[in-house]
C-alpha atoms as a PDB file:
ATOM      1  CA  MET A   1      84.302 110.946 126.355  1.00  0.00           C
ATOM      2  CA  ALA A   2      83.724 107.498 124.916  1.00  0.00           C
ATOM      3  CA  LEU A   3      84.519 107.052 121.237  1.00  0.00           C
ATOM      4  CA  LEU A   4      80.891 106.549 120.216  1.00  0.00           C
ATOM      5  CA  GLY A   5      79.392 107.395 116.855  1.00  0.00           C
ATOM      6  CA  ALA A   6      77.387 106.154 113.896  1.00  0.00           C
ATOM      7  CA  HIS A   7      77.537 105.575 110.169  1.00  0.00           C
ATOM      8  CA  MET A   8      76.783 108.951 108.566  1.00  0.00           C
ATOM      9  CA  SER A   9      75.426 109.818 105.143  1.00  0.00           C
ATOM     10  CA  THR A  10      77.653 111.797 102.773  1.00  0.00           C
ATOM     11  CA  SER A  11      74.734 112.998 100.650  1.00  0.00           C
ATOM     12  CA  GLY A  12      75.675 116.425  99.293  1.00  0.00           C
ATOM     13  CA  GLY A  13      79.424 115.810  99.620  1.00  0.00           C
ATOM     14  CA  LEU A  14      81.753 113.815 101.861  1.00  0.00           C
ATOM     15  CA  SER A  15      82.311 116.702 104.285  1.00  0.00           C
ATOM     16  CA  THR A  16      78.569 116.990 105.058  1.00  0.00           C
ATOM     17  CA  ALA A  17      78.936 113.826 107.169  1.00  0.00           C
ATOM     18  CA  PHE A  18      80.566 115.954 109.881  1.00  0.00           C
ATOM     19  CA  ASP A  19      77.488 118.210 110.136  1.00  0.00           C
ATOM     20  CA  ARG A  20      75.256 115.172 110.580  1.00  0.00           C
ATOM     21  CA  GLY A  21      77.685 113.566 113.012  1.00  0.00           C
ATOM     22  CA  ALA A  22      77.815 116.710 115.140  1.00  0.00           C
ATOM     23  CA  GLN A  23      74.011 116.941 115.059  1.00  0.00           C
ATOM     24  CA  VAL A  24      73.588 113.543 116.762  1.00  0.00           C
ATOM     25  CA  GLY A  25      76.602 113.829 119.076  1.00  0.00           C
ATOM     26  CA  CYS A  26      79.186 111.609 117.354  1.00  0.00           C
ATOM     27  CA  ALA A  27      82.730 111.509 118.699  1.00  0.00           C
ATOM     28  CA  THR A  28      83.707 109.154 115.848  1.00  0.00           C
ATOM     29  CA  MET A  29      81.938 107.972 112.682  1.00  0.00           C
ATOM     30  CA  GLN A  30      81.913 105.784 109.593  1.00  0.00           C
ATOM     31  CA  ILE A  31      81.150 106.809 106.007  1.00  0.00           C
ATOM     32  CA  PHE A  32      81.097 105.493 102.461  1.00  0.00           C
ATOM     33  CA  THR A  33      83.717 107.399 100.445  1.00  0.00           C
ATOM     34  CA  LYS A  34      81.937 106.394  97.204  1.00  0.00           C
ATOM     35  CA  ASN A  35      78.679 104.816  96.066  1.00  0.00           C
ATOM     36  CA  GLN A  36      78.599 101.498  97.939  1.00  0.00           C
ATOM     37  CA  ASN A  37      76.796  99.702  95.089  1.00  0.00           C
ATOM     38  CA  ARG A  38      79.129 100.660  92.244  1.00  0.00           C
ATOM     39  CA  TRP A  39      82.521  99.305  91.225  1.00  0.00           C
ATOM     40  CA  GLN A  40      83.960 102.528  89.860  1.00  0.00           C
ATOM     41  CA  GLN A  41      83.575 106.219  90.548  1.00  0.00           C
ATOM     42  CA  LYS A  42      85.516 109.386  89.757  1.00  0.00           C
ATOM     43  CA  PRO A  43      88.306 110.296  92.225  1.00  0.00           C
ATOM     44  CA  THR A  44      87.469 112.595  95.132  1.00  0.00           C
ATOM     45  CA  PRO A  45      87.917 116.242  93.980  1.00  0.00           C
ATOM     46  CA  PRO A  46      90.804 118.057  95.750  1.00  0.00           C
ATOM     47  CA  GLU A  47      88.457 120.811  96.955  1.00  0.00           C
ATOM     48  CA  GLU A  48      86.224 118.208  98.654  1.00  0.00           C
ATOM     49  CA  ILE A  49      89.272 116.708 100.397  1.00  0.00           C
ATOM     50  CA  GLU A  50      90.141 120.219 101.651  1.00  0.00           C
ATOM     51  CA  ARG A  51      86.548 120.801 102.861  1.00  0.00           C
ATOM     52  CA  TRP A  52      86.707 117.418 104.634  1.00  0.00           C
ATOM     53  CA  LYS A  53      89.855 118.381 106.524  1.00  0.00           C
ATOM     54  CA  GLN A  54      88.410 121.769 107.516  1.00  0.00           C
ATOM     55  CA  LYS A  55      85.146 120.244 108.774  1.00  0.00           C
ATOM     56  CA  GLN A  56      87.001 117.555 110.706  1.00  0.00           C
ATOM     57  CA  ALA A  57      89.154 120.184 112.417  1.00  0.00           C
ATOM     58  CA  ALA A  58      86.050 122.246 113.241  1.00  0.00           C
ATOM     59  CA  THR A  59      83.986 119.372 114.679  1.00  0.00           C
ATOM     60  CA  GLY A  60      86.803 117.295 116.211  1.00  0.00           C
ATOM     61  CA  ILE A  61      85.105 114.072 115.107  1.00  0.00           C
ATOM     62  CA  ALA A  62      87.915 111.499 114.918  1.00  0.00           C
ATOM     63  CA  PRO A  63      88.949 108.911 114.082  1.00  0.00           C
ATOM     64  CA  VAL A  64      86.797 108.231 111.026  1.00  0.00           C
ATOM     65  CA  VAL A  65      86.615 104.923 109.159  1.00  0.00           C
ATOM     66  CA  SER A  66      85.072 104.138 105.798  1.00  0.00           C
ATOM     67  CA  HIS A  67      83.137 101.049 104.774  1.00  0.00           C
ATOM     68  CA  ALA A  68      84.041  99.509 101.433  1.00  0.00           C
ATOM     69  CA  ALA A  69      81.482  98.760  98.724  1.00  0.00           C
ATOM     70  CA  TYR A  70      79.375  95.645  99.273  1.00  0.00           C
ATOM     71  CA  LEU A  71      80.270  94.323  95.806  1.00  0.00           C
ATOM     72  CA  LEU A  72      83.778  93.263  96.873  1.00  0.00           C
ATOM     73  CA  ASN A  73      84.414  89.528  97.090  1.00  0.00           C
ATOM     74  CA  LEU A  74      88.076  88.574  97.434  1.00  0.00           C
ATOM     75  CA  GLY A  75      87.038  84.977  98.191  1.00  0.00           C
ATOM     76  CA  THR A  76      85.434  84.339  94.820  1.00  0.00           C
ATOM     77  CA  PRO A  77      86.775  81.754  92.335  1.00  0.00           C
ATOM     78  CA  ASN A  78      85.549  84.051  89.519  1.00  0.00           C
ATOM     79  CA  ALA A  79      88.755  85.691  88.205  1.00  0.00           C
ATOM     80  CA  GLU A  80      86.972  88.743  86.776  1.00  0.00           C
ATOM     81  CA  ILE A  81      85.139  89.513  90.051  1.00  0.00           C
ATOM     82  CA  TRP A  82      88.330  88.868  92.046  1.00  0.00           C
ATOM     83  CA  ASP A  83      90.317  91.328  89.887  1.00  0.00           C
ATOM     84  CA  LYS A  84      87.563  93.935  90.198  1.00  0.00           C
ATOM     85  CA  SER A  85      87.477  93.392  93.973  1.00  0.00           C
ATOM     86  CA  VAL A  86      91.235  93.918  94.276  1.00  0.00           C
ATOM     87  CA  GLU A  87      91.037  97.143  92.250  1.00  0.00           C
ATOM     88  CA  ALA A  88      88.037  98.299  94.278  1.00  0.00           C
ATOM     89  CA  LEU A  89      89.776  97.669  97.615  1.00  0.00           C
ATOM     90  CA  ALA A  90      92.874  99.546  96.401  1.00  0.00           C
ATOM     91  CA  ASP A  91      90.604 102.419  95.318  1.00  0.00           C
ATOM     92  CA  GLU A  92      88.833 102.449  98.711  1.00  0.00           C
ATOM     93  CA  LEU A  93      92.212 102.559 100.487  1.00  0.00           C
ATOM     94  CA  THR A  94      93.357 105.427  98.223  1.00  0.00           C
ATOM     95  CA  ARG A  95      90.224 107.486  98.944  1.00  0.00           C
ATOM     96  CA  ALA A  96      90.601 106.836 102.682  1.00  0.00           C
ATOM     97  CA  GLU A  97      94.318 107.708 102.698  1.00  0.00           C
ATOM     98  CA  GLU A  98      93.564 111.054 101.008  1.00  0.00           C
ATOM     99  CA  LEU A  99      91.084 111.881 103.785  1.00  0.00           C
ATOM    100  CA  GLY A 100      93.366 110.692 106.603  1.00  0.00           C
ATOM    101  CA  LEU A 101      91.009 107.908 107.730  1.00  0.00           C
ATOM    102  CA  LEU A 102      91.943 105.308 110.337  1.00  0.00           C
ATOM    103  CA  GLY A 103      90.945 102.424 108.100  1.00  0.00           C
ATOM    104  CA  VAL A 104      88.700 100.864 105.483  1.00  0.00           C
ATOM    105  CA  VAL A 105      86.278  98.264 106.851  1.00  0.00           C
ATOM    106  CA  PHE A 106      85.456  95.496 104.381  1.00  0.00           C
ATOM    107  CA  HIS A 107      83.714  92.130 104.337  1.00  0.00           C
ATOM    108  CA  PRO A 108      86.391  89.594 103.352  1.00  0.00           C
ATOM    109  CA  GLY A 109      84.201  87.664 100.921  1.00  0.00           C
ATOM    110  CA  ALA A 110      82.556  84.328 100.209  1.00  0.00           C
ATOM    111  CA  HIS A 111      84.054  81.131  98.786  1.00  0.00           C
ATOM    112  CA  MET A 112      81.001  80.459  96.548  1.00  0.00           C
ATOM    113  CA  GLY A 113      81.127  76.701  97.050  1.00  0.00           C
ATOM    114  CA  GLU A 114      84.883  76.262  96.560  1.00  0.00           C
ATOM    115  CA  GLY A 115      85.496  75.604 100.252  1.00  0.00           C
ATOM    116  CA  GLU A 116      86.761  77.673 103.160  1.00  0.00           C
ATOM    117  CA  GLU A 117      90.465  76.898 102.771  1.00  0.00           C
ATOM    118  CA  ALA A 118      90.545  77.978  99.113  1.00  0.00           C
ATOM    119  CA  GLY A 119      88.481  81.080  99.893  1.00  0.00           C
ATOM    120  CA  ILE A 120      90.719  82.138 102.776  1.00  0.00           C
ATOM    121  CA  ALA A 121      93.834  81.766 100.608  1.00  0.00           C
ATOM    122  CA  ARG A 122      92.264  83.873  97.833  1.00  0.00           C
ATOM    123  CA  ILE A 123      91.271  86.598 100.318  1.00  0.00           C
ATOM    124  CA  ALA A 124      94.838  86.836 101.654  1.00  0.00           C
ATOM    125  CA  GLN A 125      96.153  86.995  98.074  1.00  0.00           C
ATOM    126  CA  GLY A 126      93.623  89.710  97.260  1.00  0.00           C
ATOM    127  CA  ILE A 127      94.616  91.815 100.255  1.00  0.00           C
ATOM    128  CA  ASP A 128      98.261  91.491  99.218  1.00  0.00           C
ATOM    129  CA  ALA A 129      97.412  92.554  95.659  1.00  0.00           C
ATOM    130  CA  ALA A 130      95.530  95.645  96.940  1.00  0.00           C
ATOM    131  CA  HIS A 131      98.445  96.474  99.259  1.00  0.00           C
ATOM    132  CA  ARG A 132     100.935  96.274  96.394  1.00  0.00           C
ATOM    133  CA  ARG A 133      98.874  98.929  94.603  1.00  0.00           C
ATOM    134  CA  THR A 134      98.925 101.175  97.702  1.00  0.00           C
ATOM    135  CA  PRO A 135     102.498 101.031  99.042  1.00  0.00           C
ATOM    136  CA  GLY A 136     103.313 102.838 102.275  1.00  0.00           C
ATOM    137  CA  PHE A 137      99.724 103.744 103.137  1.00  0.00           C
ATOM    138  CA  LYS A 138      98.917 104.609 106.767  1.00  0.00           C
ATOM    139  CA  THR A 139      95.196 103.776 106.393  1.00  0.00           C
ATOM    140  CA  LEU A 140      94.571 100.303 107.821  1.00  0.00           C
ATOM    141  CA  THR A 141      92.811  97.475 106.024  1.00  0.00           C
ATOM    142  CA  LEU A 142      90.118  96.493 108.538  1.00  0.00           C
ATOM    143  CA  VAL A 143      88.704  93.014 107.974  1.00  0.00           C
ATOM    144  CA  GLU A 144      85.201  92.802 109.426  1.00  0.00           C
ATOM    145  CA  GLY A 145      84.097  89.630 111.152  1.00  0.00           C
ATOM    146  CA  THR A 146      80.915  88.347 109.494  1.00  0.00           C
ATOM    147  CA  ALA A 147      77.731  86.586 110.569  1.00  0.00           C
ATOM    148  CA  GLY A 148      78.572  83.642 108.290  1.00  0.00           C
ATOM    149  CA  GLN A 149      75.558  83.796 105.985  1.00  0.00           C
ATOM    150  CA  GLY A 150      75.806  81.540 102.953  1.00  0.00           C
ATOM    151  CA  SER A 151      79.454  80.854 102.099  1.00  0.00           C
ATOM    152  CA  ALA A 152      80.709  84.091 103.694  1.00  0.00           C
ATOM    153  CA  LEU A 153      84.110  83.781 105.366  1.00  0.00           C
ATOM    154  CA  GLY A 154      85.324  85.641 108.437  1.00  0.00           C
ATOM    155  CA  TYR A 155      82.694  84.336 110.873  1.00  0.00           C
ATOM    156  CA  ARG A 156      85.300  82.471 112.947  1.00  0.00           C
ATOM    157  CA  PHE A 157      88.246  84.091 114.709  1.00  0.00           C
ATOM    158  CA  GLU A 158      90.344  81.318 113.139  1.00  0.00           C
ATOM    159  CA  HIS A 159      89.519  82.801 109.711  1.00  0.00           C
ATOM    160  CA  LEU A 160      90.678  86.245 110.834  1.00  0.00           C
ATOM    161  CA  GLN A 161      93.873  84.706 112.206  1.00  0.00           C
ATOM    162  CA  ALA A 162      94.436  82.927 108.867  1.00  0.00           C
ATOM    163  CA  PHE A 163      94.121  86.222 106.958  1.00  0.00           C
ATOM    164  CA  LEU A 164      96.662  87.794 109.293  1.00  0.00           C
ATOM    165  CA  GLN A 165      99.078  84.908 108.917  1.00  0.00           C
ATOM    166  CA  GLY A 166      98.542  84.725 105.144  1.00  0.00           C
ATOM    167  CA  VAL A 167      99.367  88.300 104.149  1.00  0.00           C
ATOM    168  CA  ALA A 168     102.783  89.716 103.331  1.00  0.00           C
ATOM    169  CA  GLU A 169     102.268  92.942 105.328  1.00  0.00           C
ATOM    170  CA  PRO A 170     100.392  91.963 108.499  1.00  0.00           C
ATOM    171  CA  GLU A 171     101.184  95.361 110.040  1.00  0.00           C
ATOM    172  CA  ARG A 172      98.663  96.897 107.597  1.00  0.00           C
ATOM    173  CA  LEU A 173      95.872  94.529 108.648  1.00  0.00           C
ATOM    174  CA  ALA A 174      93.551  94.991 111.623  1.00  0.00           C
ATOM    175  CA  PHE A 175      89.997  94.006 112.512  1.00  0.00           C
ATOM    176  CA  CYS A 176      86.502  95.369 112.992  1.00  0.00           C
ATOM    177  CA  LEU A 177      84.078  93.360 115.128  1.00  0.00           C
ATOM    178  CA  ASP A 178      80.325  93.800 114.750  1.00  0.00           C
ATOM    179  CA  THR A 179      78.327  92.839 117.854  1.00  0.00           C
ATOM    180  CA  CYS A 180      75.415  91.510 115.768  1.00  0.00           C
ATOM    181  CA  HIS A 181      77.747  89.494 113.521  1.00  0.00           C
ATOM    182  CA  LEU A 182      79.588  88.047 116.529  1.00  0.00           C
ATOM    183  CA  PHE A 183      76.334  86.915 118.118  1.00  0.00           C
ATOM    184  CA  ALA A 184      74.929  85.518 114.865  1.00  0.00           C
ATOM    185  CA  ALA A 185      78.205  83.620 114.337  1.00  0.00           C
ATOM    186  CA  GLY A 186      77.812  81.960 117.747  1.00  0.00           C
ATOM    187  CA  TYR A 187      79.996  84.146 119.974  1.00  0.00           C
ATOM    188  CA  ASP A 188      78.063  85.059 123.110  1.00  0.00           C
ATOM    189  CA  LEU A 189      78.518  88.420 124.845  1.00  0.00           C
ATOM    190  CA  ARG A 190      75.497  88.486 127.156  1.00  0.00           C
ATOM    191  CA  THR A 191      77.109  87.593 130.482  1.00  0.00           C
ATOM    192  CA  GLU A 192      80.384  88.705 132.016  1.00  0.00           C
ATOM    193  CA  GLN A 193      81.803  85.190 131.631  1.00  0.00           C
ATOM    194  CA  ALA A 194      80.607  84.805 128.025  1.00  0.00           C
ATOM    195  CA  TYR A 195      82.085  88.199 127.145  1.00  0.00           C
ATOM    196  CA  ALA A 196      85.401  87.309 128.792  1.00  0.00           C
ATOM    197  CA  ASP A 197      85.484  83.971 126.938  1.00  0.00           C
ATOM    198  CA  THR A 198      84.719  85.530 123.541  1.00  0.00           C
ATOM    199  CA  MET A 199      87.256  88.328 123.884  1.00  0.00           C
ATOM    200  CA  GLY A 200      89.794  85.888 125.313  1.00  0.00           C
ATOM    201  CA  GLN A 201      89.464  83.746 122.185  1.00  0.00           C
ATOM    202  CA  PHE A 202      89.852  86.795 119.941  1.00  0.00           C
ATOM    203  CA  ASP A 203      92.914  87.960 121.863  1.00  0.00           C
ATOM    204  CA  ALA A 204      94.553  84.527 121.741  1.00  0.00           C
ATOM    205  CA  LEU A 205      94.036  84.116 117.977  1.00  0.00           C
ATOM    206  CA  CYS A 206      94.249  87.659 116.595  1.00  0.00           C
ATOM    207  CA  GLY A 207      95.577  89.913 119.368  1.00  0.00           C
ATOM    208  CA  ILE A 208      93.272  92.426 121.043  1.00  0.00           C
ATOM    209  CA  GLU A 209      95.638  95.218 120.002  1.00  0.00           C
ATOM    210  CA  ARG A 210      94.567  94.554 116.395  1.00  0.00           C
ATOM    211  CA  LEU A 211      90.923  95.325 117.192  1.00  0.00           C
ATOM    212  CA  LYS A 212      90.634  98.856 115.792  1.00  0.00           C
ATOM    213  CA  CYS A 213      86.882  99.311 115.316  1.00  0.00           C
ATOM    214  CA  PHE A 214      83.560  98.046 116.695  1.00  0.00           C
ATOM    215  CA  HIS A 215      80.192  98.125 114.967  1.00  0.00           C
ATOM    216  CA  PHE A 216      77.514  98.407 117.653  1.00  0.00           C
ATOM    217  CA  ASN A 217      74.288  96.694 116.605  1.00  0.00           C
ATOM    218  CA  ASP A 218      71.830  94.613 118.582  1.00  0.00           C
ATOM    219  CA  ALA A 219      70.734  91.370 116.911  1.00  0.00           C
ATOM    220  CA  LYS A 220      67.244  90.468 115.689  1.00  0.00           C
ATOM    221  CA  LYS A 221      68.087  86.775 115.327  1.00  0.00           C
ATOM    222  CA  PRO A 222      69.226  84.298 118.023  1.00  0.00           C
ATOM    223  CA  LEU A 223      72.747  83.215 118.987  1.00  0.00           C
ATOM    224  CA  GLY A 224      74.406  81.161 116.235  1.00  0.00           C
ATOM    225  CA  SER A 225      71.663  81.904 113.665  1.00  0.00           C
ATOM    226  CA  ARG A 226      74.274  82.959 111.045  1.00  0.00           C
ATOM    227  CA  VAL A 227      71.750  85.635 109.998  1.00  0.00           C
ATOM    228  CA  ASP A 228      72.808  89.305 109.961  1.00  0.00           C
ATOM    229  CA  ARG A 229      69.847  91.459 111.054  1.00  0.00           C
ATOM    230  CA  HIS A 230      70.617  94.615 113.042  1.00  0.00           C
ATOM    231  CA  ASP A 231      68.393  95.903 115.838  1.00  0.00           C
ATOM    232  CA  HIS A 232      68.443  99.020 118.019  1.00  0.00           C
ATOM    233  CA  ILE A 233      70.568  98.931 121.162  1.00  0.00           C
ATOM    234  CA  GLY A 234      68.925  96.949 123.941  1.00  0.00           C
ATOM    235  CA  THR A 235      65.871  95.942 121.913  1.00  0.00           C
ATOM    236  CA  GLY A 236      67.256  92.756 120.346  1.00  0.00           C
ATOM    237  CA  GLN A 237      68.506  89.329 121.365  1.00  0.00           C
ATOM    238  CA  LEU A 238      71.846  90.680 122.633  1.00  0.00           C
ATOM    239  CA  GLY A 239      70.457  93.086 125.211  1.00  0.00           C
ATOM    240  CA  LEU A 240      72.134  95.960 127.038  1.00  0.00           C
ATOM    241  CA  ASP A 241      74.666  94.105 129.192  1.00  0.00           C
ATOM    242  CA  ALA A 242      76.807  93.054 126.217  1.00  0.00           C
ATOM    243  CA  PHE A 243      77.372  96.681 125.206  1.00  0.00           C
ATOM    244  CA  GLY A 244      78.155  97.602 128.798  1.00  0.00           C
ATOM    245  CA  PHE A 245      80.888  94.963 128.973  1.00  0.00           C
ATOM    246  CA  ILE A 246      82.570  96.389 125.857  1.00  0.00           C
ATOM    247  CA  LEU A 247      82.154 100.025 126.912  1.00  0.00           C
ATOM    248  CA  ASN A 248      83.680  99.382 130.324  1.00  0.00           C
ATOM    249  CA  ASP A 249      86.591  97.228 129.098  1.00  0.00           C
ATOM    250  CA  PRO A 250      89.679  99.435 129.624  1.00  0.00           C
ATOM    251  CA  ARG A 251      91.531  97.565 126.854  1.00  0.00           C
ATOM    252  CA  LEU A 252      89.009  98.947 124.336  1.00  0.00           C
ATOM    253  CA  ALA A 253      88.761 102.550 125.548  1.00  0.00           C
ATOM    254  CA  SER A 254      90.426 103.987 122.433  1.00  0.00           C
ATOM    255  CA  VAL A 255      88.552 101.766 119.935  1.00  0.00           C
ATOM    256  CA  PRO A 256      85.824 103.593 117.934  1.00  0.00           C
ATOM    257  CA  LYS A 257      82.344 102.121 118.535  1.00  0.00           C
ATOM    258  CA  ILE A 258      80.001 102.882 115.660  1.00  0.00           C
ATOM    259  CA  LEU A 259      76.252 102.339 115.216  1.00  0.00           C
ATOM    260  CA  GLU A 260      74.921 100.825 111.995  1.00  0.00           C
ATOM    261  CA  THR A 261      71.277 100.739 113.028  1.00  0.00           C
ATOM    262  CA  GLU A 262      68.332 101.844 110.881  1.00  0.00           C
ATOM    263  CA  LYS A 263      67.379 105.495 111.048  1.00  0.00           C
ATOM    264  CA  SER A 264      65.017 108.053 109.587  1.00  0.00           C
ATOM    265  CA  ASP A 265      65.965 111.373 107.990  1.00  0.00           C
ATOM    266  CA  ASP A 266      66.010 113.262 111.296  1.00  0.00           C
ATOM    267  CA  MET A 267      68.373 110.619 112.790  1.00  0.00           C
ATOM    268  CA  HIS A 268      66.539 110.607 116.141  1.00  0.00           C
ATOM    269  CA  GLU A 269      67.263 106.874 116.430  1.00  0.00           C
ATOM    270  CA  ASP A 270      71.007 107.589 116.486  1.00  0.00           C
ATOM    271  CA  ILE A 271      70.508 110.156 119.261  1.00  0.00           C
ATOM    272  CA  THR A 272      68.499 107.638 121.301  1.00  0.00           C
ATOM    273  CA  ASN A 273      70.925 104.757 120.738  1.00  0.00           C
ATOM    274  CA  LEU A 274      73.927 106.921 121.657  1.00  0.00           C
ATOM    275  CA  GLN A 275      72.176 108.109 124.838  1.00  0.00           C
ATOM    276  CA  VAL A 276      71.451 104.484 125.798  1.00  0.00           C
ATOM    277  CA  LEU A 277      75.097 103.536 125.221  1.00  0.00           C
ATOM    278  CA  ARG A 278      76.420 106.480 127.249  1.00  0.00           C
ATOM    279  CA  SER A 279      74.170 105.470 130.146  1.00  0.00           C
ATOM    280  CA  LEU A 280      76.011 102.118 130.326  1.00  0.00           C
ATOM    281  CA  ILE A 281      79.423 103.692 130.959  1.00  0.00           C
ATOM    282  CA  ARG A 282      80.439 103.355 134.599  1.00  0.00           C
END
């Protein structure tokens, strides 16, 4: 069974995500371990961690990743925001470690006009600072490649390579690639040759073995637009073939592939998107 899933709501408690995941047929999933629009939140209660572990054992949905709060910006020149971002990333890693998650996906940040080189250096320093607060953790820090909107960093594989080379504990760092972000950043996936070229570049600069998570989203905007707008699988500018290339790449068989597409309360869109993806597996 392919490791396909979706981002699941934790409304009503973290462990409820497993019920929703099972309902739509997830083999893997992504969650927020806290409110994604707040800096601070109370620690996860021990009884909720226990319920999480029981539900995971019952459903078999694994691995699970979390997505860090959107407020984080390790690339900022603002010292107060940078400090808060470091603390927030350390907190996200702590919550994920308690739940036994594969990793915490986070957007590396934006340089806010200070330039890419300065921003990249600050991001590496921020990751190191969060790692010092979380020594010995198994949960990976998963840097997500971005679409490159505004002054956001991480839209080039060279940026991801620079983060890897700039941190003190590279073994704790891995990557999440979002199909929509890749396309918006100018990396084509629509033909077999384009896919091979894009993944070849990633492998050469970052190492394909460090690719630990995929976000599966079609793209509403054209190649190289630098605009992050998700669409349902096969209905956007990327089209179905791109997802087929990833799904049938034996190097990526064990990498979780997670939807982040819009959905209504009954989650029928997730069911449809997952069915479409499964139909592409040869």
